[in-house]
N, C-alpha and C. Protein backbone atom coordinates (compact mmCIF):
# COMPACT_ATOMS: atom_id res chain seq x y z
N MET A 1 -13.06 2.40 8.28
CA MET A 1 -12.65 1.42 7.30
C MET A 1 -11.43 1.97 6.52
N PRO A 2 -10.40 1.19 6.30
CA PRO A 2 -9.25 1.66 5.55
C PRO A 2 -9.60 1.86 4.07
N PHE A 3 -8.69 2.51 3.36
CA PHE A 3 -8.82 2.54 1.91
C PHE A 3 -8.67 1.13 1.40
N GLN A 4 -9.49 0.75 0.44
CA GLN A 4 -9.44 -0.64 -0.08
C GLN A 4 -9.34 -0.62 -1.60
N TRP A 5 -8.47 -1.49 -2.12
CA TRP A 5 -8.28 -1.59 -3.55
C TRP A 5 -8.34 -3.05 -3.96
N PRO A 6 -9.33 -3.44 -4.82
CA PRO A 6 -9.48 -4.84 -5.20
C PRO A 6 -8.55 -5.23 -6.35
N LEU A 7 -8.19 -6.50 -6.40
CA LEU A 7 -7.41 -7.02 -7.50
C LEU A 7 -7.66 -8.52 -7.66
N ARG A 8 -7.31 -9.06 -8.78
CA ARG A 8 -7.40 -10.48 -9.06
C ARG A 8 -5.98 -11.01 -9.29
N VAL A 9 -5.76 -12.23 -8.87
CA VAL A 9 -4.43 -12.88 -9.07
C VAL A 9 -4.39 -13.47 -10.49
N TYR A 10 -3.38 -13.08 -11.23
CA TYR A 10 -3.17 -13.59 -12.59
C TYR A 10 -1.98 -14.56 -12.58
N ILE A 11 -1.87 -15.33 -13.66
CA ILE A 11 -0.82 -16.35 -13.78
C ILE A 11 0.56 -15.72 -13.60
N GLU A 12 0.74 -14.50 -14.08
CA GLU A 12 2.04 -13.82 -13.97
C GLU A 12 2.41 -13.52 -12.53
N ASP A 13 1.45 -13.54 -11.61
CA ASP A 13 1.66 -13.23 -10.19
C ASP A 13 2.15 -14.46 -9.40
N THR A 14 2.03 -15.65 -10.01
CA THR A 14 2.28 -16.89 -9.28
C THR A 14 3.65 -17.48 -9.56
N ASP A 15 4.07 -18.39 -8.67
CA ASP A 15 5.32 -19.10 -8.88
C ASP A 15 5.03 -20.50 -9.37
N LEU A 16 6.07 -21.35 -9.45
CA LEU A 16 5.89 -22.70 -9.95
C LEU A 16 4.97 -23.55 -9.06
N GLY A 17 4.82 -23.15 -7.82
CA GLY A 17 3.90 -23.88 -6.93
C GLY A 17 2.46 -23.47 -7.05
N GLY A 18 2.22 -22.46 -7.90
CA GLY A 18 0.84 -22.01 -8.13
C GLY A 18 0.32 -21.02 -7.10
N ILE A 19 1.21 -20.49 -6.28
CA ILE A 19 0.80 -19.48 -5.31
C ILE A 19 1.48 -18.14 -5.66
N VAL A 20 0.93 -17.07 -5.12
CA VAL A 20 1.48 -15.75 -5.40
C VAL A 20 2.92 -15.69 -4.87
N TYR A 21 3.84 -15.30 -5.77
CA TYR A 21 5.26 -15.14 -5.42
C TYR A 21 5.36 -14.03 -4.39
N TYR A 22 6.13 -14.23 -3.34
CA TYR A 22 6.13 -13.38 -2.16
C TYR A 22 6.32 -11.89 -2.50
N VAL A 23 7.19 -11.55 -3.39
CA VAL A 23 7.50 -10.15 -3.67
C VAL A 23 6.30 -9.45 -4.35
N ASN A 24 5.42 -10.21 -4.95
CA ASN A 24 4.28 -9.61 -5.63
C ASN A 24 3.27 -8.99 -4.63
N TYR A 25 3.26 -9.50 -3.42
CA TYR A 25 2.42 -8.86 -2.39
C TYR A 25 2.85 -7.41 -2.17
N LEU A 26 4.18 -7.16 -2.20
CA LEU A 26 4.68 -5.80 -2.05
C LEU A 26 4.27 -4.94 -3.23
N LYS A 27 4.27 -5.52 -4.43
CA LYS A 27 3.79 -4.78 -5.62
C LYS A 27 2.33 -4.44 -5.49
N PHE A 28 1.53 -5.39 -4.98
CA PHE A 28 0.10 -5.12 -4.79
C PHE A 28 -0.07 -3.96 -3.79
N MET A 29 0.72 -3.95 -2.77
CA MET A 29 0.63 -2.88 -1.76
C MET A 29 1.04 -1.53 -2.35
N GLU A 30 2.07 -1.53 -3.15
CA GLU A 30 2.52 -0.29 -3.84
C GLU A 30 1.39 0.26 -4.71
N ARG A 31 0.74 -0.62 -5.44
CA ARG A 31 -0.34 -0.20 -6.32
C ARG A 31 -1.50 0.37 -5.50
N ALA A 32 -1.81 -0.20 -4.38
CA ALA A 32 -2.89 0.30 -3.54
C ALA A 32 -2.54 1.66 -2.98
N ARG A 33 -1.29 1.85 -2.57
CA ARG A 33 -0.86 3.17 -2.08
C ARG A 33 -0.98 4.23 -3.21
N THR A 34 -0.61 3.82 -4.42
CA THR A 34 -0.71 4.70 -5.56
C THR A 34 -2.15 5.06 -5.84
N GLU A 35 -3.07 4.10 -5.73
CA GLU A 35 -4.48 4.38 -5.97
C GLU A 35 -5.06 5.28 -4.86
N LEU A 36 -4.57 5.09 -3.63
CA LEU A 36 -4.97 6.00 -2.55
C LEU A 36 -4.54 7.41 -2.87
N LEU A 37 -3.28 7.55 -3.28
CA LEU A 37 -2.74 8.87 -3.68
C LEU A 37 -3.62 9.51 -4.77
N ARG A 38 -3.94 8.70 -5.75
CA ARG A 38 -4.77 9.17 -6.87
C ARG A 38 -6.16 9.64 -6.38
N GLN A 39 -6.78 8.83 -5.54
CA GLN A 39 -8.11 9.15 -5.02
C GLN A 39 -8.08 10.45 -4.18
N CYS A 40 -6.94 10.71 -3.57
CA CYS A 40 -6.80 11.92 -2.76
C CYS A 40 -6.34 13.12 -3.56
N GLY A 41 -6.35 13.01 -4.87
CA GLY A 41 -6.02 14.15 -5.71
C GLY A 41 -4.55 14.25 -6.07
N GLY A 42 -3.77 13.28 -5.68
CA GLY A 42 -2.35 13.31 -6.02
C GLY A 42 -2.04 12.63 -7.32
N SER A 43 -1.23 13.26 -8.11
CA SER A 43 -0.76 12.67 -9.36
C SER A 43 0.74 12.55 -9.28
N GLN A 44 1.27 11.35 -9.45
CA GLN A 44 2.71 11.19 -9.35
C GLN A 44 3.42 12.02 -10.40
N GLN A 45 2.85 12.14 -11.58
CA GLN A 45 3.48 12.98 -12.63
C GLN A 45 3.51 14.43 -12.20
N ALA A 46 2.42 14.94 -11.67
CA ALA A 46 2.39 16.35 -11.22
C ALA A 46 3.34 16.56 -10.04
N LEU A 47 3.41 15.63 -9.13
CA LEU A 47 4.33 15.75 -7.99
C LEU A 47 5.78 15.71 -8.49
N MET A 48 6.07 14.83 -9.44
CA MET A 48 7.42 14.78 -9.98
C MET A 48 7.78 16.09 -10.68
N ALA A 49 6.83 16.71 -11.35
CA ALA A 49 7.04 18.02 -11.97
C ALA A 49 7.37 19.06 -10.93
N ASP A 50 6.87 18.86 -9.70
CA ASP A 50 7.14 19.76 -8.58
C ASP A 50 8.37 19.30 -7.78
N ASP A 51 9.12 18.37 -8.32
CA ASP A 51 10.36 17.84 -7.73
C ASP A 51 10.10 17.01 -6.45
N ILE A 52 8.93 16.40 -6.37
CA ILE A 52 8.56 15.57 -5.21
C ILE A 52 8.37 14.15 -5.65
N ILE A 53 9.05 13.23 -4.91
CA ILE A 53 8.81 11.80 -5.12
C ILE A 53 8.71 11.15 -3.73
N PHE A 54 8.22 9.95 -3.73
CA PHE A 54 8.07 9.17 -2.49
C PHE A 54 8.95 7.94 -2.58
N VAL A 55 9.70 7.65 -1.47
CA VAL A 55 10.55 6.49 -1.46
C VAL A 55 10.22 5.64 -0.22
N VAL A 56 10.21 4.34 -0.43
CA VAL A 56 10.00 3.42 0.69
C VAL A 56 11.30 3.34 1.49
N THR A 57 11.24 3.56 2.78
CA THR A 57 12.44 3.53 3.61
C THR A 57 12.50 2.32 4.53
N ARG A 58 11.32 1.66 4.73
CA ARG A 58 11.30 0.48 5.56
C ARG A 58 10.05 -0.34 5.22
N THR A 59 10.26 -1.65 5.17
CA THR A 59 9.12 -2.57 5.02
C THR A 59 9.29 -3.73 5.97
N GLU A 60 8.24 -4.05 6.66
CA GLU A 60 8.21 -5.25 7.52
C GLU A 60 6.94 -6.00 7.16
N CYS A 61 7.11 -7.22 6.66
CA CYS A 61 5.98 -7.96 6.11
C CYS A 61 5.88 -9.36 6.75
N ARG A 62 4.63 -9.74 6.99
CA ARG A 62 4.32 -11.12 7.49
C ARG A 62 3.42 -11.78 6.47
N TYR A 63 3.85 -12.95 6.03
CA TYR A 63 3.06 -13.74 5.12
C TYR A 63 2.36 -14.83 5.92
N LEU A 64 1.02 -14.85 5.84
CA LEU A 64 0.24 -15.73 6.73
C LEU A 64 -0.46 -16.86 5.99
N SER A 65 -0.86 -16.66 4.78
CA SER A 65 -1.59 -17.64 4.02
C SER A 65 -1.45 -17.33 2.54
N PRO A 66 -1.34 -18.34 1.67
CA PRO A 66 -1.09 -18.05 0.25
C PRO A 66 -2.32 -17.63 -0.52
N ALA A 67 -2.12 -16.81 -1.51
CA ALA A 67 -3.15 -16.50 -2.52
C ALA A 67 -2.84 -17.34 -3.74
N ARG A 68 -3.85 -17.71 -4.48
CA ARG A 68 -3.69 -18.56 -5.65
C ARG A 68 -4.31 -17.91 -6.90
N LEU A 69 -4.01 -18.50 -8.04
CA LEU A 69 -4.48 -18.03 -9.32
C LEU A 69 -6.01 -17.79 -9.28
N ASP A 70 -6.45 -16.68 -9.77
CA ASP A 70 -7.83 -16.26 -9.89
C ASP A 70 -8.47 -15.82 -8.57
N ASP A 71 -7.74 -15.87 -7.44
CA ASP A 71 -8.28 -15.34 -6.20
C ASP A 71 -8.55 -13.86 -6.37
N GLU A 72 -9.66 -13.40 -5.78
CA GLU A 72 -9.96 -11.99 -5.72
C GLU A 72 -9.53 -11.49 -4.36
N LEU A 73 -8.65 -10.48 -4.36
CA LEU A 73 -8.04 -9.98 -3.15
C LEU A 73 -8.49 -8.52 -2.90
N LEU A 74 -8.33 -8.12 -1.69
CA LEU A 74 -8.57 -6.72 -1.30
C LEU A 74 -7.34 -6.27 -0.56
N VAL A 75 -6.74 -5.20 -1.08
CA VAL A 75 -5.55 -4.60 -0.45
C VAL A 75 -6.03 -3.42 0.37
N GLU A 76 -5.72 -3.40 1.66
CA GLU A 76 -6.15 -2.32 2.57
C GLU A 76 -4.97 -1.45 2.93
N VAL A 77 -5.25 -0.16 3.03
CA VAL A 77 -4.20 0.83 3.40
C VAL A 77 -4.73 1.72 4.49
N SER A 78 -4.00 1.81 5.59
CA SER A 78 -4.27 2.74 6.70
C SER A 78 -3.03 3.47 7.04
N ILE A 79 -3.20 4.65 7.58
CA ILE A 79 -2.04 5.42 8.07
C ILE A 79 -1.87 5.14 9.54
N GLU A 80 -0.72 4.63 9.91
CA GLU A 80 -0.43 4.31 11.30
C GLU A 80 0.14 5.56 12.01
N ARG A 81 1.08 6.24 11.36
CA ARG A 81 1.69 7.45 11.89
C ARG A 81 2.08 8.35 10.70
N ALA A 82 2.14 9.65 11.01
CA ALA A 82 2.55 10.58 9.96
C ALA A 82 3.35 11.74 10.59
N SER A 83 4.44 12.05 9.98
CA SER A 83 5.20 13.25 10.37
C SER A 83 5.25 14.17 9.14
N ARG A 84 6.02 15.20 9.22
CA ARG A 84 6.10 16.13 8.08
C ARG A 84 6.71 15.48 6.85
N VAL A 85 7.64 14.55 7.05
CA VAL A 85 8.33 13.98 5.87
C VAL A 85 8.11 12.46 5.70
N ARG A 86 7.58 11.80 6.72
CA ARG A 86 7.43 10.34 6.63
C ARG A 86 6.03 9.92 7.05
N VAL A 87 5.51 8.95 6.28
CA VAL A 87 4.20 8.36 6.63
C VAL A 87 4.41 6.84 6.81
N SER A 88 3.89 6.32 7.90
CA SER A 88 3.94 4.89 8.16
C SER A 88 2.57 4.30 7.84
N PHE A 89 2.56 3.44 6.83
CA PHE A 89 1.32 2.80 6.42
C PHE A 89 1.22 1.42 7.03
N GLN A 90 0.03 1.02 7.39
CA GLN A 90 -0.27 -0.35 7.75
C GLN A 90 -1.10 -0.92 6.59
N GLN A 91 -0.64 -2.03 6.03
CA GLN A 91 -1.32 -2.61 4.89
C GLN A 91 -1.61 -4.08 5.12
N ARG A 92 -2.74 -4.51 4.58
CA ARG A 92 -3.17 -5.92 4.73
C ARG A 92 -3.73 -6.35 3.38
N ILE A 93 -3.56 -7.61 3.09
CA ILE A 93 -4.13 -8.20 1.88
C ILE A 93 -5.03 -9.35 2.35
N VAL A 94 -6.28 -9.29 1.94
CA VAL A 94 -7.33 -10.21 2.38
C VAL A 94 -7.91 -10.92 1.16
N CYS A 95 -8.20 -12.22 1.30
CA CYS A 95 -8.89 -12.97 0.26
C CYS A 95 -10.36 -12.64 0.40
N GLN A 96 -10.98 -12.14 -0.66
CA GLN A 96 -12.39 -11.72 -0.56
C GLN A 96 -13.34 -12.91 -0.34
N ALA A 97 -12.98 -14.08 -0.88
CA ALA A 97 -13.92 -15.24 -0.80
C ALA A 97 -14.20 -15.65 0.64
N ASP A 98 -13.19 -15.62 1.52
CA ASP A 98 -13.38 -16.12 2.87
C ASP A 98 -12.88 -15.15 3.94
N ASN A 99 -12.53 -13.94 3.55
CA ASN A 99 -12.07 -12.90 4.48
C ASN A 99 -10.79 -13.31 5.22
N ARG A 100 -9.99 -14.21 4.60
CA ARG A 100 -8.78 -14.71 5.19
C ARG A 100 -7.65 -13.69 5.01
N LEU A 101 -6.97 -13.40 6.12
CA LEU A 101 -5.83 -12.48 6.06
C LEU A 101 -4.63 -13.23 5.50
N LEU A 102 -4.12 -12.72 4.37
CA LEU A 102 -3.00 -13.36 3.68
C LEU A 102 -1.67 -12.80 4.03
N CYS A 103 -1.61 -11.49 4.20
CA CYS A 103 -0.35 -10.81 4.35
C CYS A 103 -0.61 -9.48 5.04
N GLU A 104 0.32 -9.06 5.90
CA GLU A 104 0.21 -7.75 6.49
C GLU A 104 1.59 -7.11 6.56
N ALA A 105 1.65 -5.81 6.44
CA ALA A 105 2.94 -5.13 6.37
C ALA A 105 2.86 -3.74 6.97
N ASP A 106 3.99 -3.31 7.50
CA ASP A 106 4.19 -1.90 7.88
C ASP A 106 5.18 -1.35 6.87
N VAL A 107 4.79 -0.22 6.26
CA VAL A 107 5.61 0.34 5.19
C VAL A 107 5.80 1.84 5.49
N ASP A 108 7.04 2.25 5.63
CA ASP A 108 7.37 3.67 5.82
C ASP A 108 7.73 4.29 4.48
N VAL A 109 7.13 5.43 4.20
CA VAL A 109 7.39 6.14 2.94
C VAL A 109 7.78 7.56 3.24
N ALA A 110 8.92 7.98 2.73
CA ALA A 110 9.42 9.33 2.92
C ALA A 110 9.16 10.18 1.68
N CYS A 111 8.95 11.43 1.88
CA CYS A 111 8.80 12.41 0.81
C CYS A 111 10.17 13.07 0.61
N VAL A 112 10.67 13.05 -0.62
CA VAL A 112 11.97 13.64 -0.89
C VAL A 112 11.92 14.47 -2.17
N ARG A 113 12.89 15.39 -2.29
CA ARG A 113 13.05 16.12 -3.54
C ARG A 113 13.74 15.23 -4.56
N ALA A 114 13.21 15.12 -5.72
CA ALA A 114 13.76 14.22 -6.74
C ALA A 114 15.16 14.72 -7.15
N SER A 115 15.38 16.02 -7.16
CA SER A 115 16.64 16.56 -7.62
C SER A 115 17.84 16.20 -6.78
N ASP A 116 17.67 16.05 -5.45
CA ASP A 116 18.82 15.75 -4.59
C ASP A 116 18.52 14.68 -3.55
N MET A 117 17.32 14.10 -3.59
CA MET A 117 16.93 13.03 -2.65
C MET A 117 16.95 13.47 -1.19
N LYS A 118 16.84 14.74 -0.93
CA LYS A 118 16.77 15.27 0.43
C LYS A 118 15.29 15.26 0.89
N PRO A 119 15.08 15.00 2.20
CA PRO A 119 13.69 14.97 2.72
C PRO A 119 13.04 16.34 2.52
N THR A 120 11.74 16.27 2.24
CA THR A 120 10.93 17.46 2.13
C THR A 120 9.54 17.15 2.70
N ARG A 121 8.74 18.17 2.95
CA ARG A 121 7.44 17.95 3.54
C ARG A 121 6.48 17.29 2.55
N TRP A 122 5.66 16.38 3.08
CA TRP A 122 4.50 15.89 2.31
C TRP A 122 3.62 17.08 2.01
N PRO A 123 3.06 17.17 0.83
CA PRO A 123 2.10 18.26 0.58
C PRO A 123 0.95 18.15 1.62
N ASP A 124 0.70 19.27 2.33
CA ASP A 124 -0.30 19.25 3.41
C ASP A 124 -1.67 18.79 2.96
N ASN A 125 -2.15 19.29 1.82
CA ASN A 125 -3.48 18.92 1.37
C ASN A 125 -3.56 17.44 1.03
N LEU A 126 -2.49 16.90 0.50
CA LEU A 126 -2.47 15.46 0.16
C LEU A 126 -2.48 14.60 1.42
N LEU A 127 -1.62 14.95 2.37
CA LEU A 127 -1.53 14.21 3.62
C LEU A 127 -2.86 14.26 4.38
N GLN A 128 -3.48 15.43 4.41
CA GLN A 128 -4.79 15.56 5.12
C GLN A 128 -5.85 14.73 4.44
N SER A 129 -5.88 14.75 3.15
CA SER A 129 -6.86 13.95 2.39
C SER A 129 -6.66 12.48 2.63
N MET A 130 -5.39 12.02 2.66
CA MET A 130 -5.10 10.61 2.89
C MET A 130 -5.55 10.21 4.29
N LYS A 131 -5.33 11.08 5.27
CA LYS A 131 -5.77 10.78 6.65
C LYS A 131 -7.30 10.66 6.73
N THR A 132 -7.99 11.50 5.93
CA THR A 132 -9.44 11.47 5.93
C THR A 132 -9.98 10.21 5.28
N VAL A 133 -9.36 9.80 4.17
CA VAL A 133 -9.83 8.62 3.42
C VAL A 133 -9.54 7.31 4.19
N THR A 134 -8.40 7.23 4.85
CA THR A 134 -8.06 5.98 5.58
C THR A 134 -8.57 6.01 7.00
N LYS A 135 -9.03 4.88 7.47
CA LYS A 135 -9.55 4.75 8.82
C LYS A 135 -8.92 3.55 9.51
N SER A 136 -9.43 3.18 10.66
CA SER A 136 -8.94 2.03 11.41
C SER A 136 -9.21 0.74 10.63
N LEU A 137 -8.36 -0.24 10.82
CA LEU A 137 -8.51 -1.54 10.14
C LEU A 137 -9.62 -2.35 10.78
N PRO A 138 -10.47 -2.98 9.98
CA PRO A 138 -11.50 -3.86 10.51
C PRO A 138 -10.89 -5.18 10.96
N ALA A 139 -11.63 -5.87 11.83
CA ALA A 139 -11.18 -7.20 12.27
C ALA A 139 -11.28 -8.15 11.11
N VAL A 140 -10.22 -8.92 10.87
CA VAL A 140 -10.19 -9.92 9.84
C VAL A 140 -9.71 -11.20 10.48
N GLU A 141 -10.30 -12.30 10.11
CA GLU A 141 -9.93 -13.60 10.65
C GLU A 141 -8.50 -13.92 10.26
N GLU A 142 -7.67 -14.25 11.21
CA GLU A 142 -6.27 -14.63 10.95
C GLU A 142 -6.14 -16.12 11.15
N LYS A 143 -5.69 -16.84 10.12
CA LYS A 143 -5.51 -18.30 10.21
C LYS A 143 -4.07 -18.67 10.02
């Protein structure tokens, strides 16, 4: 089972049509990756103090079904591939009420030195912990 982070849709997340504004799905995914990092013992403040930051280098997203105000969602995070400096995450957002797949994305995140933005290794203990916490994605009904 992948790492999962629950959230609720608030009015600020929606557009004039009453559905989640498309860019907010990416924000939800960012928050889930941050919570995964936190669960694995990573602190962005501590990493920044060590001159390490993470930058998104690629995002490919498919929007399949809309989320609406007050929907309870589950953001899933799995590691698809990992190298010394880049991790490819597979992320999905599912509506908890009916297990409907709303959005899925592939997100590449590089580890860089904050001081010069040059690639650097992901901390080994953090990467290993993230691999342990994340698993294969479960089957979710796609409509």
